[in-house]
Amino acid sequence: ADVHFSGVYFALSWQWSLFSDYLQCILMIVVVVAIATFVFVDNVAYIEGIGTLSLCTEATLALPQLWKNFTSGSTQGMSVKMVLLWFLGDSFKTLYFVIRGSPVQFLLCGSIQTLVDILILYQVVTYA
């Protein structure tokens, strides 16, 4: 059976019918993570895990846009200049990680961001 959260199925968790349901869910996530962080603040594995999770989240932020462009066959509203600036920003950030000798998860996530930028740039040029 599906589990409900304020009348919304978790299986459809990002197709909110009410904005208040979305806010309640986000608040619940924030509270749970805050309590876990308070409890495990001295646990190096937990702190590193949270850091890696946040890096992976940032690295995949553009994936929904990439997928939307692919499924619709359109990049309406996106400009080459905007995506080039994304690419330049992510490229310089990744280069900074290389120069500074940052841990491998920074390099991996920066590389993923740069690759997604290149794919979106390809879509913008191709679908234009």
N, C-alpha and C. Protein backbone atom coordinates (compact mmCIF):
# COMPACT_ATOMS: atom_id res chain seq x y z
N ALA A 1 0.84 -1.19 0.00
CA ALA A 1 0.00 0.00 0.00
C ALA A 1 0.88 1.25 0.00
N ASP A 2 0.39 2.27 -0.63
CA ASP A 2 1.14 3.53 -0.67
C ASP A 2 1.02 4.25 0.67
N VAL A 3 2.08 4.95 1.02
CA VAL A 3 2.11 5.73 2.25
C VAL A 3 1.79 7.18 1.89
N HIS A 4 0.92 7.77 2.67
CA HIS A 4 0.51 9.15 2.39
C HIS A 4 1.25 10.14 3.28
N PHE A 5 1.46 11.31 2.79
CA PHE A 5 2.00 12.42 3.57
C PHE A 5 1.11 13.61 3.27
N SER A 6 0.22 13.93 4.18
CA SER A 6 -0.73 15.03 3.99
C SER A 6 -1.53 14.88 2.69
N GLY A 7 -1.95 13.67 2.40
CA GLY A 7 -2.79 13.45 1.23
C GLY A 7 -2.06 13.28 -0.08
N VAL A 8 -0.73 13.16 -0.04
CA VAL A 8 0.04 13.01 -1.27
C VAL A 8 0.77 11.66 -1.21
N TYR A 9 0.68 10.88 -2.27
CA TYR A 9 1.41 9.62 -2.33
C TYR A 9 2.90 9.90 -2.44
N PHE A 10 3.73 9.15 -1.70
CA PHE A 10 5.17 9.31 -1.83
C PHE A 10 5.66 8.97 -3.23
N ALA A 11 4.98 8.05 -3.90
CA ALA A 11 5.36 7.70 -5.26
C ALA A 11 5.25 8.89 -6.20
N LEU A 12 4.41 9.84 -5.87
CA LEU A 12 4.23 11.05 -6.68
C LEU A 12 4.77 12.28 -5.95
N SER A 13 5.82 12.07 -5.15
CA SER A 13 6.25 13.11 -4.21
C SER A 13 6.64 14.43 -4.85
N TRP A 14 6.97 14.48 -6.13
CA TRP A 14 7.32 15.77 -6.72
C TRP A 14 6.23 16.25 -7.67
N GLN A 15 5.04 15.70 -7.53
CA GLN A 15 3.89 16.18 -8.27
C GLN A 15 2.87 16.67 -7.25
N TRP A 16 3.26 17.66 -6.49
CA TRP A 16 2.45 18.13 -5.37
C TRP A 16 1.15 18.75 -5.86
N SER A 17 0.08 18.44 -5.15
CA SER A 17 -1.19 19.07 -5.46
C SER A 17 -1.34 20.37 -4.67
N LEU A 18 -0.70 20.43 -3.52
CA LEU A 18 -0.74 21.63 -2.68
C LEU A 18 0.67 22.06 -2.30
N PHE A 19 0.93 23.34 -2.37
CA PHE A 19 2.24 23.86 -1.99
C PHE A 19 2.53 23.60 -0.52
N SER A 20 1.50 23.60 0.31
CA SER A 20 1.69 23.35 1.75
C SER A 20 2.19 21.92 1.99
N ASP A 21 1.78 20.94 1.18
CA ASP A 21 2.30 19.58 1.30
C ASP A 21 3.79 19.54 1.00
N TYR A 22 4.18 20.26 -0.04
CA TYR A 22 5.59 20.36 -0.40
C TYR A 22 6.38 20.97 0.76
N LEU A 23 5.90 22.06 1.31
CA LEU A 23 6.60 22.72 2.42
C LEU A 23 6.70 21.81 3.64
N GLN A 24 5.64 21.06 3.93
CA GLN A 24 5.67 20.14 5.07
C GLN A 24 6.73 19.06 4.85
N CYS A 25 6.83 18.55 3.65
CA CYS A 25 7.81 17.51 3.34
C CYS A 25 9.23 18.07 3.48
N ILE A 26 9.48 19.23 2.92
CA ILE A 26 10.80 19.85 3.01
C ILE A 26 11.16 20.13 4.47
N LEU A 27 10.20 20.63 5.24
CA LEU A 27 10.43 20.88 6.66
C LEU A 27 10.79 19.59 7.39
N MET A 28 10.09 18.52 7.08
CA MET A 28 10.37 17.22 7.70
C MET A 28 11.79 16.76 7.38
N ILE A 29 12.19 16.90 6.13
CA ILE A 29 13.55 16.52 5.73
C ILE A 29 14.58 17.34 6.48
N VAL A 30 14.36 18.65 6.56
CA VAL A 30 15.29 19.54 7.26
C VAL A 30 15.40 19.15 8.73
N VAL A 31 14.28 18.88 9.38
CA VAL A 31 14.29 18.52 10.80
C VAL A 31 15.04 17.20 11.01
N VAL A 32 14.75 16.20 10.19
CA VAL A 32 15.42 14.90 10.34
C VAL A 32 16.93 15.03 10.13
N VAL A 33 17.34 15.74 9.10
CA VAL A 33 18.77 15.91 8.83
C VAL A 33 19.43 16.74 9.94
N ALA A 34 18.75 17.76 10.43
CA ALA A 34 19.30 18.57 11.52
C ALA A 34 19.51 17.73 12.78
N ILE A 35 18.54 16.92 13.13
CA ILE A 35 18.67 16.06 14.31
C ILE A 35 19.80 15.05 14.11
N ALA A 36 19.84 14.43 12.94
CA ALA A 36 20.90 13.45 12.65
C ALA A 36 22.27 14.12 12.71
N THR A 37 22.39 15.31 12.18
CA THR A 37 23.67 16.03 12.21
C THR A 37 24.06 16.38 13.63
N PHE A 38 23.10 16.80 14.44
CA PHE A 38 23.38 17.09 15.85
C PHE A 38 23.88 15.85 16.58
N VAL A 39 23.23 14.71 16.32
CA VAL A 39 23.60 13.46 16.99
C VAL A 39 24.96 12.95 16.50
N PHE A 40 25.23 13.06 15.21
CA PHE A 40 26.44 12.48 14.63
C PHE A 40 27.51 13.51 14.27
N VAL A 41 27.48 14.67 14.91
CA VAL A 41 28.40 15.76 14.55
C VAL A 41 29.87 15.35 14.69
N ASP A 42 30.18 14.42 15.57
CA ASP A 42 31.57 13.99 15.75
C ASP A 42 31.92 12.75 14.93
N ASN A 43 30.99 12.26 14.14
CA ASN A 43 31.21 11.07 13.33
C ASN A 43 31.72 11.50 11.96
N VAL A 44 33.00 11.24 11.70
CA VAL A 44 33.64 11.69 10.46
C VAL A 44 32.94 11.09 9.23
N ALA A 45 32.57 9.82 9.30
CA ALA A 45 31.92 9.17 8.16
C ALA A 45 30.59 9.85 7.83
N TYR A 46 29.82 10.21 8.85
CA TYR A 46 28.53 10.89 8.62
C TYR A 46 28.76 12.25 7.96
N ILE A 47 29.68 13.03 8.52
CA ILE A 47 29.96 14.37 7.98
C ILE A 47 30.47 14.28 6.55
N GLU A 48 31.38 13.33 6.27
CA GLU A 48 31.87 13.16 4.90
C GLU A 48 30.74 12.70 3.98
N GLY A 49 29.86 11.84 4.49
CA GLY A 49 28.73 11.38 3.70
C GLY A 49 27.78 12.51 3.33
N ILE A 50 27.49 13.37 4.29
CA ILE A 50 26.63 14.53 4.03
C ILE A 50 27.28 15.45 3.00
N GLY A 51 28.59 15.65 3.14
CA GLY A 51 29.31 16.50 2.19
C GLY A 51 29.28 15.93 0.78
N THR A 52 29.51 14.62 0.68
CA THR A 52 29.48 13.97 -0.63
C THR A 52 28.08 14.00 -1.23
N LEU A 53 27.07 13.77 -0.39
CA LEU A 53 25.68 13.85 -0.86
C LEU A 53 25.37 15.24 -1.40
N SER A 54 25.83 16.28 -0.71
CA SER A 54 25.56 17.63 -1.19
C SER A 54 26.29 17.91 -2.51
N LEU A 55 27.52 17.41 -2.63
CA LEU A 55 28.25 17.58 -3.89
C LEU A 55 27.54 16.87 -5.04
N CYS A 56 27.07 15.65 -4.78
CA CYS A 56 26.36 14.90 -5.82
C CYS A 56 25.05 15.59 -6.20
N THR A 57 24.38 16.16 -5.21
CA THR A 57 23.15 16.89 -5.50
C THR A 57 23.43 18.07 -6.40
N GLU A 58 24.49 18.83 -6.07
CA GLU A 58 24.84 19.98 -6.91
C GLU A 58 25.25 19.53 -8.31
N ALA A 59 25.96 18.41 -8.39
CA ALA A 59 26.44 17.94 -9.68
C ALA A 59 25.30 17.51 -10.60
N THR A 60 24.18 17.12 -10.04
CA THR A 60 23.07 16.62 -10.86
C THR A 60 21.91 17.61 -11.00
N LEU A 61 22.12 18.84 -10.59
CA LEU A 61 21.05 19.83 -10.66
C LEU A 61 20.53 20.06 -12.08
N ALA A 62 21.39 19.95 -13.07
CA ALA A 62 20.96 20.24 -14.44
C ALA A 62 20.40 19.00 -15.16
N LEU A 63 20.44 17.83 -14.53
CA LEU A 63 19.93 16.63 -15.19
C LEU A 63 18.44 16.71 -15.56
N PRO A 64 17.57 17.26 -14.69
CA PRO A 64 16.17 17.39 -15.12
C PRO A 64 16.01 18.26 -16.38
N GLN A 65 16.83 19.31 -16.50
CA GLN A 65 16.77 20.16 -17.70
C GLN A 65 17.23 19.37 -18.92
N LEU A 66 18.30 18.60 -18.76
CA LEU A 66 18.80 17.77 -19.85
C LEU A 66 17.73 16.78 -20.30
N TRP A 67 17.06 16.16 -19.34
CA TRP A 67 16.02 15.18 -19.66
C TRP A 67 14.81 15.85 -20.32
N LYS A 68 14.41 17.00 -19.79
CA LYS A 68 13.26 17.72 -20.37
C LYS A 68 13.55 18.11 -21.81
N ASN A 69 14.75 18.61 -22.05
CA ASN A 69 15.13 18.98 -23.42
C ASN A 69 15.06 17.77 -24.34
N PHE A 70 15.58 16.64 -23.85
CA PHE A 70 15.61 15.41 -24.64
C PHE A 70 14.21 14.91 -24.96
N THR A 71 13.35 14.84 -23.94
CA THR A 71 12.00 14.29 -24.16
C THR A 71 11.12 15.22 -24.99
N SER A 72 11.33 16.54 -24.87
CA SER A 72 10.50 17.47 -25.64
C SER A 72 11.11 17.79 -27.01
N GLY A 73 12.40 17.50 -27.17
CA GLY A 73 13.07 17.83 -28.42
C GLY A 73 13.19 19.32 -28.64
N SER A 74 13.20 20.06 -27.53
CA SER A 74 13.23 21.52 -27.61
C SER A 74 14.05 22.10 -26.46
N THR A 75 14.67 23.23 -26.73
CA THR A 75 15.36 23.99 -25.68
C THR A 75 14.83 25.42 -25.65
N GLN A 76 13.55 25.55 -25.95
CA GLN A 76 12.92 26.87 -25.99
C GLN A 76 13.18 27.61 -24.68
N GLY A 77 13.62 28.85 -24.80
CA GLY A 77 13.88 29.68 -23.63
C GLY A 77 15.32 29.61 -23.15
N MET A 78 16.11 28.71 -23.70
CA MET A 78 17.52 28.59 -23.31
C MET A 78 18.38 29.23 -24.39
N SER A 79 19.41 29.93 -23.98
CA SER A 79 20.30 30.55 -24.95
C SER A 79 21.68 29.90 -24.89
N VAL A 80 22.37 29.94 -26.00
CA VAL A 80 23.73 29.42 -26.07
C VAL A 80 24.61 30.16 -25.07
N LYS A 81 24.43 31.47 -24.98
CA LYS A 81 25.25 32.28 -24.07
C LYS A 81 25.07 31.83 -22.61
N MET A 82 23.84 31.57 -22.20
CA MET A 82 23.57 31.15 -20.83
C MET A 82 24.26 29.82 -20.53
N VAL A 83 24.12 28.86 -21.44
CA VAL A 83 24.70 27.54 -21.21
C VAL A 83 26.23 27.60 -21.29
N LEU A 84 26.76 28.45 -22.15
CA LEU A 84 28.21 28.64 -22.19
C LEU A 84 28.73 29.18 -20.85
N LEU A 85 27.98 30.09 -20.25
CA LEU A 85 28.38 30.61 -18.95
C LEU A 85 28.31 29.53 -17.87
N TRP A 86 27.30 28.66 -17.92
CA TRP A 86 27.26 27.50 -17.00
C TRP A 86 28.52 26.67 -17.18
N PHE A 87 28.82 26.37 -18.46
CA PHE A 87 29.98 25.53 -18.78
C PHE A 87 31.28 26.17 -18.28
N LEU A 88 31.44 27.46 -18.55
CA LEU A 88 32.67 28.15 -18.11
C LEU A 88 32.79 28.14 -16.58
N GLY A 89 31.70 28.42 -15.90
CA GLY A 89 31.73 28.43 -14.44
C GLY A 89 32.09 27.06 -13.87
N ASP A 90 31.46 26.01 -14.39
CA ASP A 90 31.73 24.66 -13.90
C ASP A 90 33.13 24.19 -14.29
N SER A 91 33.60 24.61 -15.48
CA SER A 91 34.95 24.24 -15.91
C SER A 91 36.01 24.90 -15.02
N PHE A 92 35.84 26.19 -14.74
CA PHE A 92 36.81 26.87 -13.88
C PHE A 92 36.78 26.30 -12.46
N LYS A 93 35.59 25.96 -11.99
CA LYS A 93 35.48 25.37 -10.65
C LYS A 93 36.21 24.03 -10.61
N THR A 94 36.02 23.20 -11.64
CA THR A 94 36.69 21.91 -11.69
C THR A 94 38.21 22.08 -11.81
N LEU A 95 38.64 23.04 -12.62
CA LEU A 95 40.07 23.34 -12.74
C LEU A 95 40.64 23.77 -11.38
N TYR A 96 39.91 24.57 -10.66
CA TYR A 96 40.32 25.00 -9.31
C TYR A 96 40.50 23.78 -8.41
N PHE A 97 39.55 22.83 -8.48
CA PHE A 97 39.66 21.61 -7.67
C PHE A 97 40.93 20.84 -8.03
N VAL A 98 41.25 20.77 -9.33
CA VAL A 98 42.46 20.07 -9.77
C VAL A 98 43.70 20.76 -9.24
N ILE A 99 43.77 22.08 -9.41
CA ILE A 99 44.94 22.86 -8.98
C ILE A 99 45.15 22.76 -7.47
N ARG A 100 44.06 22.80 -6.72
CA ARG A 100 44.15 22.75 -5.26
C ARG A 100 44.34 21.33 -4.71
N GLY A 101 44.26 20.33 -5.57
CA GLY A 101 44.41 18.96 -5.11
C GLY A 101 43.26 18.53 -4.21
N SER A 102 42.06 18.95 -4.56
CA SER A 102 40.86 18.63 -3.77
C SER A 102 40.59 17.13 -3.79
N PRO A 103 39.85 16.63 -2.81
CA PRO A 103 39.50 15.21 -2.79
C PRO A 103 38.77 14.79 -4.06
N VAL A 104 38.85 13.50 -4.35
CA VAL A 104 38.35 12.96 -5.61
C VAL A 104 36.87 13.24 -5.84
N GLN A 105 36.06 13.29 -4.77
CA GLN A 105 34.62 13.53 -4.97
C GLN A 105 34.36 14.92 -5.57
N PHE A 106 35.21 15.90 -5.27
CA PHE A 106 35.07 17.23 -5.87
C PHE A 106 35.35 17.16 -7.37
N LEU A 107 36.42 16.46 -7.72
CA LEU A 107 36.78 16.33 -9.14
C LEU A 107 35.71 15.58 -9.91
N LEU A 108 35.21 14.50 -9.33
CA LEU A 108 34.18 13.70 -9.99
C LEU A 108 32.91 14.52 -10.22
N CYS A 109 32.44 15.20 -9.17
CA CYS A 109 31.20 15.98 -9.29
C CYS A 109 31.38 17.16 -10.23
N GLY A 110 32.54 17.83 -10.18
CA GLY A 110 32.80 18.92 -11.12
C GLY A 110 32.83 18.43 -12.56
N SER A 111 33.39 17.25 -12.77
CA SER A 111 33.44 16.67 -14.11
C SER A 111 32.04 16.31 -14.61
N ILE A 112 31.20 15.78 -13.70
CA ILE A 112 29.82 15.46 -14.07
C ILE A 112 29.08 16.73 -14.48
N GLN A 113 29.24 17.80 -13.69
CA GLN A 113 28.58 19.07 -14.02
C GLN A 113 29.02 19.57 -15.39
N THR A 114 30.31 19.51 -15.65
CA THR A 114 30.84 19.99 -16.92
C THR A 114 30.32 19.15 -18.08
N LEU A 115 30.25 17.83 -17.89
CA LEU A 115 29.72 16.95 -18.93
C LEU A 115 28.25 17.26 -19.22
N VAL A 116 27.46 17.45 -18.18
CA VAL A 116 26.04 17.78 -18.38
C VAL A 116 25.91 19.12 -19.10
N ASP A 117 26.76 20.09 -18.74
CA ASP A 117 26.74 21.38 -19.44
C ASP A 117 27.02 21.20 -20.93
N ILE A 118 28.00 20.36 -21.26
CA ILE A 118 28.34 20.11 -22.66
C ILE A 118 27.15 19.47 -23.38
N LEU A 119 26.50 18.52 -22.72
CA LEU A 119 25.34 17.86 -23.34
C LEU A 119 24.19 18.84 -23.56
N ILE A 120 23.95 19.72 -22.58
CA ILE A 120 22.88 20.72 -22.75
C ILE A 120 23.27 21.72 -23.84
N LEU A 121 24.53 22.11 -23.89
CA LEU A 121 24.98 23.01 -24.94
C LEU A 121 24.78 22.36 -26.32
N TYR A 122 25.07 21.08 -26.42
CA TYR A 122 24.82 20.34 -27.66
C TYR A 122 23.34 20.38 -28.01
N GLN A 123 22.49 20.18 -27.02
CA GLN A 123 21.04 20.22 -27.26
C GLN A 123 20.60 21.59 -27.74
N VAL A 124 21.10 22.65 -27.09
CA VAL A 124 20.71 24.02 -27.46
C VAL A 124 21.10 24.30 -28.92
N VAL A 125 22.27 23.87 -29.30
CA VAL A 125 22.73 24.10 -30.68
C VAL A 125 21.94 23.20 -31.65
N THR A 126 21.71 21.97 -31.28
CA THR A 126 21.04 21.01 -32.17
C THR A 126 19.55 21.32 -32.34
N TYR A 127 18.88 21.65 -31.24
CA TYR A 127 17.42 21.88 -31.29
C TYR A 127 17.05 23.28 -31.77
N ALA A 128 18.03 24.14 -31.96
CA ALA A 128 17.74 25.53 -32.37
C ALA A 128 17.15 25.61 -33.75
